[in-house]
């Protein structure tokens, strides 16, 4: 195969997987961004707080469904192929988001309306769980390159672009005078993104690594994972924790908590979030390329250590109340986090053999995301209420950094052992 053909295949794979990640974060972000609009429509109540709590329950359902989707699509991906798993996950994401856009209000369907909303949100989470890490695995397996960190980070960056896209659209709908039904349009639009993504995924072939290892013999990827690769699986859980907590701390918690403290306005919070997402999307590939040069494990360890040391100063700077200080502190914190997140796809792909790789990476990472990342706002607010100290959550951040640090160190030893084992097998052969 000549260089031009290799480049075209690589470009198709990256585009196909990036569109799926973009759709995942776009669809998932729309719900929380339009939550103030959706709450009175689907959860009408004389008590606004009760309505908001009901809406947050539906939002949390999506995170709880992530590991289920990772397990389901991980099984399909390891058993029948990455391409078929990623195609179904994209189709399910597009259709469920599209259905939310068409869902009648509580005034029309009654209690059935929020129940259906919960169902569609659950499907969103299931499909997102199959997409978020699986697409990275597919890219790295399909592209023969010396820069897996860079190419793996492109799919992650595309997800950030999806969240940024959703943020820009929601800001436009809030600022403009629109009809009461206009909120439905961004949700309905997801079906077009899904069809474009399916078109590109139809044009690409199956992962070469999967084709080489494919076997018709009856085996269970999950059983193989827990029987032979349980330690790497626990490492994937820890990596998923540190890979997501900083993002949800800044974007999910501080963006609303600082408004609650009257330190910044809602408009300033929205603008700052958009700026941070823009920053993350464009710097992610740069950090992925840097990780290829320095070493994936080395830069992830460096990120965990620096984040550990910065945890307490971070909260001190944020609570000064200066918008400039807040922006500086959050950009620096997310920069350190980016160093950890950028090579995640490349690093975790090496943790597992091909036969259980999709299941191990996706299921492990999504459990870490669901247990630690998705619960970050709730845990941090609970710690503040319990301690009556707004800076107290730095202990939790430090705890997550330690988990991530040990996960990378132990995972790197597992990778080294696997490489040594393969060399011995090749030598004996």
Protein backbone atom coordinates (compact mmCIF):
# COMPACT_ATOMS: atom_id res chain seq x y z
CA UNK A 1 0.00 0.00 0.00
CA UNK A 2 1.45 3.40 -1.01
CA UNK A 3 1.72 6.46 1.25
CA UNK A 4 -1.24 8.21 -0.39
CA UNK A 5 -3.57 5.24 0.16
CA UNK A 6 -2.45 4.96 3.79
CA UNK A 7 -3.11 8.66 4.33
CA UNK A 8 -6.60 8.43 2.78
CA UNK A 9 -7.51 5.45 4.99
CA UNK A 10 -6.22 7.26 8.07
CA UNK A 11 -8.19 10.39 7.20
CA UNK A 12 -11.41 8.43 6.69
CA UNK A 13 -11.05 6.58 9.98
CA UNK A 14 -10.31 9.76 11.94
CA UNK A 15 -13.23 11.66 10.36
CA UNK A 16 -15.67 8.77 10.89
CA UNK A 17 -14.72 8.30 14.55
CA UNK A 18 -14.48 12.03 15.28
CA UNK A 19 -18.01 12.67 14.04
CA UNK A 20 -19.28 9.99 16.43
CA UNK A 21 -17.46 11.54 19.38
CA UNK A 22 -18.71 14.99 18.39
CA UNK A 23 -22.29 13.69 18.28
CA UNK A 24 -21.85 11.98 21.66
CA UNK A 25 -20.77 15.13 23.51
CA UNK A 26 -23.09 17.41 21.51
CA UNK A 27 -26.15 15.31 22.34
CA UNK A 28 -25.14 14.69 25.94
CA UNK A 29 -24.35 18.37 26.57
CA UNK A 30 -27.60 19.68 25.10
CA UNK A 31 -29.61 18.21 27.97
CA UNK A 32 -27.75 20.00 30.76
CA UNK A 33 -27.45 23.25 28.76
CA UNK A 34 -31.20 23.34 28.06
CA UNK A 35 -32.11 22.14 31.56
CA UNK A 36 -33.66 25.49 32.60
CA UNK A 37 -35.91 25.27 29.53
CA UNK A 38 -36.77 21.58 29.86
CA UNK A 39 -37.57 21.64 33.61
CA UNK A 40 -40.95 23.49 33.49
CA UNK A 41 -41.94 21.63 30.29
CA UNK A 42 -41.44 18.09 31.60
CA UNK A 43 -41.46 18.63 35.39
CA UNK A 44 -44.07 21.29 36.16
CA UNK A 45 -44.49 21.89 39.90
CA UNK A 46 -45.44 24.64 42.31
CA UNK A 47 -42.03 24.06 43.93
CA UNK A 48 -39.23 25.09 41.49
CA UNK A 49 -36.58 23.28 43.57
CA UNK A 50 -38.52 20.00 43.37
CA UNK A 51 -38.76 20.41 39.59
CA UNK A 52 -35.03 21.05 39.29
CA UNK A 53 -34.16 18.04 41.46
CA UNK A 54 -36.36 15.85 39.25
CA UNK A 55 -34.53 17.15 36.17
CA UNK A 56 -31.14 16.40 37.81
CA UNK A 57 -32.26 12.82 38.45
CA UNK A 58 -32.95 12.40 34.72
CA UNK A 59 -29.57 13.97 33.95
CA UNK A 60 -27.82 11.50 36.28
CA UNK A 61 -29.49 8.54 34.56
CA UNK A 62 -27.31 9.24 31.53
CA UNK A 63 -24.11 8.85 33.56
CA UNK A 64 -25.34 5.67 35.26
CA UNK A 65 -26.02 4.18 31.82
CA UNK A 66 -22.44 4.80 30.59
CA UNK A 67 -20.94 1.58 32.06
CA UNK A 68 -23.91 -0.46 30.79
CA UNK A 69 -23.31 0.85 27.28
CA UNK A 70 -19.57 0.23 27.56
CA UNK A 71 -20.25 -3.36 28.60
CA UNK A 72 -22.84 -3.94 25.85
CA UNK A 73 -20.96 -2.35 22.97
CA UNK A 74 -17.63 -3.58 24.33
CA UNK A 75 -18.95 -7.13 24.03
CA UNK A 76 -20.20 -6.49 20.49
CA UNK A 77 -16.93 -4.79 19.54
CA UNK A 78 -14.72 -7.61 20.86
CA UNK A 79 -16.99 -10.39 19.63
CA UNK A 80 -18.27 -9.17 16.25
CA UNK A 81 -16.15 -6.15 15.32
CA UNK A 82 -15.44 -2.54 16.26
CA UNK A 83 -17.14 -1.14 13.18
CA UNK A 84 -20.54 -2.72 13.85
CA UNK A 85 -20.45 -1.67 17.54
CA UNK A 86 -19.60 1.95 16.72
CA UNK A 87 -22.23 2.11 13.96
CA UNK A 88 -25.01 0.97 16.31
CA UNK A 89 -23.85 3.28 19.10
CA UNK A 90 -23.92 6.28 16.77
CA UNK A 91 -27.37 5.35 15.41
CA UNK A 92 -28.77 4.93 18.92
CA UNK A 93 -27.34 8.26 20.07
CA UNK A 94 -28.77 10.12 17.09
CA UNK A 95 -32.23 8.55 17.35
CA UNK A 96 -32.61 9.00 21.11
CA UNK A 97 -31.59 12.68 20.93
CA UNK A 98 -33.92 13.17 17.96
CA UNK A 99 -36.80 11.62 19.95
CA UNK A 100 -36.19 14.02 22.87
CA UNK A 101 -36.67 16.87 20.40
CA UNK A 102 -40.05 15.44 19.35
CA UNK A 103 -41.27 14.42 22.83
CA UNK A 104 -44.62 15.98 23.85
CA UNK A 105 -44.70 17.97 27.08
CA UNK A 106 -46.14 16.98 30.47
CA UNK A 107 -49.25 19.03 29.66
CA UNK A 108 -50.02 16.64 26.77
CA UNK A 109 -48.82 13.20 27.95
CA UNK A 110 -48.83 13.64 31.73
CA UNK A 111 -46.47 11.44 33.75
CA UNK A 112 -45.64 9.45 30.60
CA UNK A 113 -43.71 12.45 29.26
CA UNK A 114 -40.93 12.54 31.92
CA UNK A 115 -40.81 8.74 31.94
CA UNK A 116 -40.14 8.69 28.19
CA UNK A 117 -37.58 11.45 28.67
CA UNK A 118 -35.81 9.27 31.24
CA UNK A 119 -35.89 6.35 28.79
CA UNK A 120 -34.38 8.36 25.95
CA UNK A 121 -31.77 9.80 28.33
CA UNK A 122 -30.88 6.24 29.38
CA UNK A 123 -30.44 5.20 25.72
CA UNK A 124 -28.24 8.27 25.21
CA UNK A 125 -26.01 7.18 28.08
CA UNK A 126 -25.83 3.57 26.88
CA UNK A 127 -24.78 4.61 23.37
CA UNK A 128 -22.36 7.24 24.67
CA UNK A 129 -20.70 4.57 26.81
CA UNK A 130 -20.05 2.50 23.71
CA UNK A 131 -18.74 5.45 21.73
CA UNK A 132 -16.46 7.50 24.01
CA UNK A 133 -13.47 5.13 24.31
CA UNK A 134 -14.37 2.62 21.60
CA UNK A 135 -13.78 5.17 18.86
CA UNK A 136 -10.28 5.83 20.23
CA UNK A 137 -9.51 2.11 20.23
CA UNK A 138 -10.70 1.84 16.63
CA UNK A 139 -8.54 4.79 15.48
CA UNK A 140 -5.35 3.50 17.10
CA UNK A 141 -5.90 -0.06 15.83
CA UNK A 142 -6.64 1.17 12.30
CA UNK A 143 -3.75 3.61 11.85
CA UNK A 144 -0.23 2.27 11.66
CA UNK A 145 1.62 5.24 13.07
CA UNK A 146 4.37 6.27 15.46
CA UNK A 147 2.03 8.90 16.92
CA UNK A 148 -0.84 7.01 18.63
CA UNK A 149 -1.07 9.72 21.30
CA UNK A 150 -1.68 12.40 18.69
CA UNK A 151 -4.20 10.44 16.62
CA UNK A 152 -5.97 9.10 19.71
CA UNK A 153 -6.27 12.63 21.09
CA UNK A 154 -8.02 13.80 17.92
CA UNK A 155 -11.13 11.76 18.75
CA UNK A 156 -11.13 13.14 22.30
CA UNK A 157 -10.75 16.68 20.96
CA UNK A 158 -13.71 16.13 18.62
CA UNK A 159 -15.86 15.33 21.66
CA UNK A 160 -14.85 18.65 23.20
CA UNK A 161 -15.81 20.37 19.95
CA UNK A 162 -19.23 18.71 20.27
CA UNK A 163 -19.69 20.18 23.74
CA UNK A 164 -18.48 23.57 22.46
CA UNK A 165 -20.92 23.37 19.54
CA UNK A 166 -23.78 22.62 21.93
CA UNK A 167 -22.69 25.48 24.19
CA UNK A 168 -22.66 27.98 21.32
CA UNK A 169 -26.08 26.85 20.10
CA UNK A 170 -27.65 27.03 23.56
CA UNK A 171 -26.18 30.51 24.13
CA UNK A 172 -27.64 31.66 20.81
CA UNK A 173 -31.08 30.30 21.68
CA UNK A 174 -30.99 31.95 25.10
CA UNK A 175 -29.93 35.35 23.77
CA UNK A 176 -32.30 35.43 20.78
CA UNK A 177 -36.07 35.83 20.91
CA UNK A 178 -37.36 32.46 19.66
CA UNK A 179 -40.71 30.59 19.72
CA UNK A 180 -41.40 28.37 22.71
CA UNK A 181 -40.84 25.22 20.60
CA UNK A 182 -37.46 26.35 19.19
CA UNK A 183 -35.50 24.41 21.87
CA UNK A 184 -36.47 21.26 19.96
CA UNK A 185 -34.44 22.17 16.86
CA UNK A 186 -30.93 21.49 18.28
CA UNK A 187 -32.09 18.05 19.44
CA UNK A 188 -33.71 17.25 16.10
CA UNK A 189 -30.56 18.40 14.27
CA UNK A 190 -28.62 15.52 15.85
CA UNK A 191 -30.21 13.05 13.40
CA UNK A 192 -28.41 14.77 10.53
CA UNK A 193 -25.05 14.53 12.34
CA UNK A 194 -25.78 10.85 12.92
CA UNK A 195 -26.51 10.14 9.23
CA UNK A 196 -23.34 11.93 8.15
CA UNK A 197 -21.36 9.88 10.66
CA UNK A 198 -22.92 6.61 9.51
CA UNK A 199 -22.09 7.51 5.89
CA UNK A 200 -18.41 7.95 6.75
CA UNK A 201 -18.33 4.82 8.90
CA UNK A 202 -19.76 2.83 6.03
CA UNK A 203 -16.76 3.88 3.93
CA UNK A 204 -14.14 2.47 6.31
CA UNK A 205 -13.04 -1.10 6.90
CA UNK A 206 -12.77 -3.11 10.07
CA UNK A 207 -9.84 -2.65 12.42
CA UNK A 208 -6.85 -4.66 11.10
CA UNK A 209 -5.99 -5.79 14.64
CA UNK A 210 -9.49 -7.21 15.14
CA UNK A 211 -9.46 -8.97 11.74
CA UNK A 212 -6.14 -10.61 12.59
CA UNK A 213 -7.37 -11.87 15.96
CA UNK A 214 -10.97 -12.68 15.00
CA UNK A 215 -12.03 -16.16 15.99
CA UNK A 216 -15.34 -17.97 15.54
CA UNK A 217 -14.73 -19.99 18.70
CA UNK A 218 -17.11 -19.30 21.55
CA UNK A 219 -15.54 -17.02 24.15
CA UNK A 220 -16.71 -14.27 26.50
CA UNK A 221 -14.73 -10.97 26.41
CA UNK A 222 -16.02 -10.10 29.90
CA UNK A 223 -15.03 -13.47 31.37
CA UNK A 224 -11.60 -13.22 29.77
CA UNK A 225 -11.25 -9.67 31.09
CA UNK A 226 -11.97 -10.54 34.72
CA UNK A 227 -10.12 -13.85 34.65
CA UNK A 228 -6.87 -12.68 33.04
CA UNK A 229 -6.82 -8.87 33.02
CA UNK A 230 -8.47 -7.73 36.24
CA UNK A 231 -5.56 -5.52 37.39
CA UNK A 232 -5.42 -3.60 34.06
CA UNK A 233 -9.21 -3.23 34.33
CA UNK A 234 -8.86 -1.59 37.77
CA UNK A 235 -6.20 0.68 36.28
CA UNK A 236 -8.67 1.72 33.56
CA UNK A 237 -11.21 2.60 36.28
CA UNK A 238 -8.65 4.81 38.06
CA UNK A 239 -7.61 6.45 34.78
CA UNK A 240 -11.27 7.14 34.03
CA UNK A 241 -11.57 8.88 37.42
CA UNK A 242 -8.68 11.32 36.93
CA UNK A 243 -9.52 11.66 33.24
CA UNK A 244 -12.98 13.09 34.01
CA UNK A 245 -13.07 14.65 37.50
CA UNK A 246 -11.12 17.85 36.58
CA UNK A 247 -13.42 18.51 33.61
CA UNK A 248 -16.64 18.11 35.62
CA UNK A 249 -15.12 20.05 38.51
CA UNK A 250 -14.51 23.10 36.31
CA UNK A 251 -17.30 22.84 33.71
CA UNK A 252 -19.95 21.09 35.78
CA UNK A 253 -19.44 22.37 39.34
CA UNK A 254 -17.56 25.68 39.53
CA UNK A 255 -19.44 27.20 36.60
CA UNK A 256 -22.66 27.10 38.65
CA UNK A 257 -21.25 27.28 42.21
CA UNK A 258 -19.37 30.54 41.57
CA UNK A 259 -22.60 32.03 40.22
CA UNK A 260 -24.36 30.83 43.36
CA UNK A 261 -21.71 32.66 45.45
CA UNK A 262 -22.26 35.80 43.34
CA UNK A 263 -18.57 35.82 42.35
CA UNK A 264 -19.39 35.83 38.64
CA UNK A 265 -22.53 36.38 36.57
CA UNK A 266 -24.37 33.72 34.57
CA UNK A 267 -23.21 35.38 31.36
CA UNK A 268 -19.58 35.43 32.52
CA UNK A 269 -19.86 31.77 33.49
CA UNK A 270 -21.23 30.82 30.05
CA UNK A 271 -18.53 32.82 28.25
CA UNK A 272 -15.80 31.32 30.43
CA UNK A 273 -17.08 27.78 29.78
CA UNK A 274 -17.04 28.38 26.02
CA UNK A 275 -13.50 29.74 26.21
CA UNK A 276 -12.31 26.74 28.25
CA UNK A 277 -13.92 24.25 25.86
CA UNK A 278 -12.35 26.06 22.91
CA UNK A 279 -8.97 25.93 24.64
CA UNK A 280 -9.28 22.21 25.42
CA UNK A 281 -10.37 21.29 21.89
CA UNK A 282 -7.41 22.98 20.22
CA UNK A 283 -4.69 22.05 22.73
CA UNK A 284 -5.63 18.36 23.07
CA UNK A 285 -3.86 17.24 19.84
CA UNK A 286 -0.80 19.30 20.81
CA UNK A 287 -0.57 17.52 24.16
CA UNK A 288 -1.16 14.17 22.42
CA UNK A 289 1.79 14.86 20.10
CA UNK A 290 3.90 15.92 23.09
CA UNK A 291 3.04 12.65 24.86
CA UNK A 292 4.28 10.68 21.84
CA UNK A 293 7.66 12.43 22.15
CA UNK A 294 8.04 12.25 25.95
CA UNK A 295 6.21 8.98 26.63
CA UNK A 296 2.54 8.36 27.43
CA UNK A 297 3.06 7.04 30.95
CA UNK A 298 5.66 9.69 31.81
CA UNK A 299 3.49 12.64 30.86
CA UNK A 300 0.43 11.14 32.61
CA UNK A 301 2.45 10.66 35.81
CA UNK A 302 3.75 14.23 35.51
CA UNK A 303 0.18 15.49 35.06
CA UNK A 304 -1.09 13.60 38.12
CA UNK A 305 1.76 14.88 40.31
CA UNK A 306 1.40 18.51 39.21
CA UNK A 307 -2.39 18.37 39.63
CA UNK A 308 -1.89 16.93 43.12
CA UNK A 309 0.39 19.83 44.07
CA UNK A 310 -1.87 22.42 42.44
CA UNK A 311 -5.14 21.25 44.03
CA UNK A 312 -5.03 23.51 47.10
CA UNK A 313 -3.63 26.65 45.37
CA UNK A 314 -6.27 26.19 42.67
CA UNK A 315 -9.18 26.63 45.06
CA UNK A 316 -7.45 29.53 46.83
CA UNK A 317 -7.04 31.40 43.53
CA UNK A 318 -10.59 30.64 42.35
CA UNK A 319 -12.20 32.02 45.50
CA UNK A 320 -10.47 35.40 45.19
CA UNK A 321 -13.55 36.39 43.19
CA UNK A 322 -11.61 38.04 40.36
CA UNK A 323 -12.80 36.87 36.93
CA UNK A 324 -9.25 37.15 35.58
CA UNK A 325 -7.89 35.03 38.45
CA UNK A 326 -10.66 32.45 37.99
CA UNK A 327 -9.96 32.19 34.26
CA UNK A 328 -6.20 31.82 34.87
CA UNK A 329 -6.66 29.19 37.59
CA UNK A 330 -9.10 27.11 35.53
CA UNK A 331 -7.01 27.26 32.34
CA UNK A 332 -3.93 26.11 34.25
CA UNK A 333 -5.87 23.32 35.98
CA UNK A 334 -7.36 22.06 32.72
CA UNK A 335 -3.96 22.31 31.02
CA UNK A 336 -2.53 19.92 33.61
CA UNK A 337 -5.55 17.68 33.12
CA UNK A 338 -5.10 17.76 29.33
CA UNK A 339 -1.62 16.29 29.74
CA UNK A 340 -3.30 13.28 31.38
CA UNK A 341 -6.30 13.00 29.05
CA UNK A 342 -4.56 13.43 25.67
CA UNK A 343 -2.65 10.09 25.69
CA UNK A 344 -5.42 8.11 27.44
CA UNK A 345 -6.58 6.29 24.28
CA UNK A 346 -3.02 5.35 23.33
CA UNK A 347 -2.13 4.21 26.86
CA UNK A 348 -5.27 2.21 27.64
CA UNK A 349 -5.22 0.43 24.27
CA UNK A 350 -1.95 -1.18 25.37
CA UNK A 351 -3.44 -2.41 28.66
CA UNK A 352 -5.49 -5.19 27.05
CA UNK A 353 -5.08 -7.76 24.27
CA UNK A 354 -7.25 -7.33 21.18
CA UNK A 355 -9.82 -9.97 22.20
CA UNK A 356 -10.91 -8.02 25.32
CA UNK A 357 -9.59 -4.54 24.49
CA UNK A 358 -12.88 -2.79 23.64
CA UNK A 359 -14.59 -4.23 26.73
CA UNK A 360 -11.68 -3.52 29.07
CA UNK A 361 -10.99 0.06 28.02
CA UNK A 362 -14.60 1.21 27.61
CA UNK A 363 -16.08 -0.58 30.63
CA UNK A 364 -13.23 0.36 32.97
CA UNK A 365 -13.06 4.00 31.90
CA UNK A 366 -16.84 4.46 32.03
CA UNK A 367 -17.07 3.00 35.53
CA UNK A 368 -14.46 5.53 36.63
CA UNK A 369 -16.41 8.27 34.88
CA UNK A 370 -19.75 7.24 36.40
CA UNK A 371 -18.48 6.70 39.97
CA UNK A 372 -16.20 9.73 40.17
CA UNK A 373 -16.61 12.09 37.20
CA UNK A 374 -20.39 12.21 36.95
CA UNK A 375 -20.81 12.50 40.72
CA UNK A 376 -18.21 15.28 41.11
CA UNK A 377 -20.68 18.22 41.51
CA UNK A 378 -22.73 16.33 44.09
CA UNK A 379 -19.69 15.12 46.08
CA UNK A 380 -17.99 18.54 46.13
CA UNK A 381 -21.15 20.35 47.21
CA UNK A 382 -21.70 17.75 49.95
CA UNK A 383 -18.12 18.21 51.19
CA UNK A 384 -18.58 21.98 51.33
CA UNK A 385 -21.84 21.66 53.25
CA UNK A 386 -20.32 19.16 55.67
CA UNK A 387 -17.08 21.06 56.31
CA UNK A 388 -18.53 24.56 55.92
CA UNK A 389 -15.35 25.33 53.97
CA UNK A 390 -15.51 26.15 50.25
CA UNK A 391 -11.90 25.04 49.72
CA UNK A 392 -12.33 21.64 51.40
CA UNK A 393 -12.92 19.79 48.07
CA UNK A 394 -9.19 20.04 47.37
CA UNK A 395 -8.85 16.88 49.50
CA UNK A 396 -11.10 15.02 47.09
CA UNK A 397 -9.15 16.30 44.08
CA UNK A 398 -5.89 15.17 45.68
CA UNK A 399 -7.45 11.75 46.39
CA UNK A 400 -8.43 11.37 42.73
CA UNK A 401 -4.94 12.43 41.63
CA UNK A 402 -3.41 9.69 43.80
CA UNK A 403 -5.80 7.12 42.30
CA UNK A 404 -4.89 8.22 38.77
CA UNK A 405 -1.17 8.26 39.56
CA UNK A 406 -1.10 4.71 40.91
CA UNK A 407 -3.34 3.50 38.07
CA UNK A 408 -0.83 4.74 35.49
CA UNK A 409 2.19 3.36 37.35
CA UNK A 410 0.64 -0.09 37.84
CA UNK A 411 -0.81 -0.05 34.32
CA UNK A 412 2.58 0.76 32.83
CA UNK A 413 4.07 -2.26 34.62
CA UNK A 414 1.28 -4.41 33.17
CA UNK A 415 2.07 -3.10 29.69
CA UNK A 416 5.79 -3.81 30.15
CA UNK A 417 4.99 -7.36 31.30
CA UNK A 418 2.81 -7.97 28.25
CA UNK A 419 5.52 -6.69 25.90
CA UNK A 420 8.12 -8.93 27.55
CA UNK A 421 5.76 -11.91 27.34
CA UNK A 422 5.18 -11.34 23.61
CA UNK A 423 8.91 -11.07 22.98
CA UNK A 424 9.52 -14.37 24.77
CA UNK A 425 6.78 -16.06 22.73
CA UNK A 426 8.24 -14.69 19.48
CA UNK A 427 11.74 -15.83 20.55
CA UNK A 428 10.52 -19.37 21.31
CA UNK A 429 8.67 -19.48 17.97
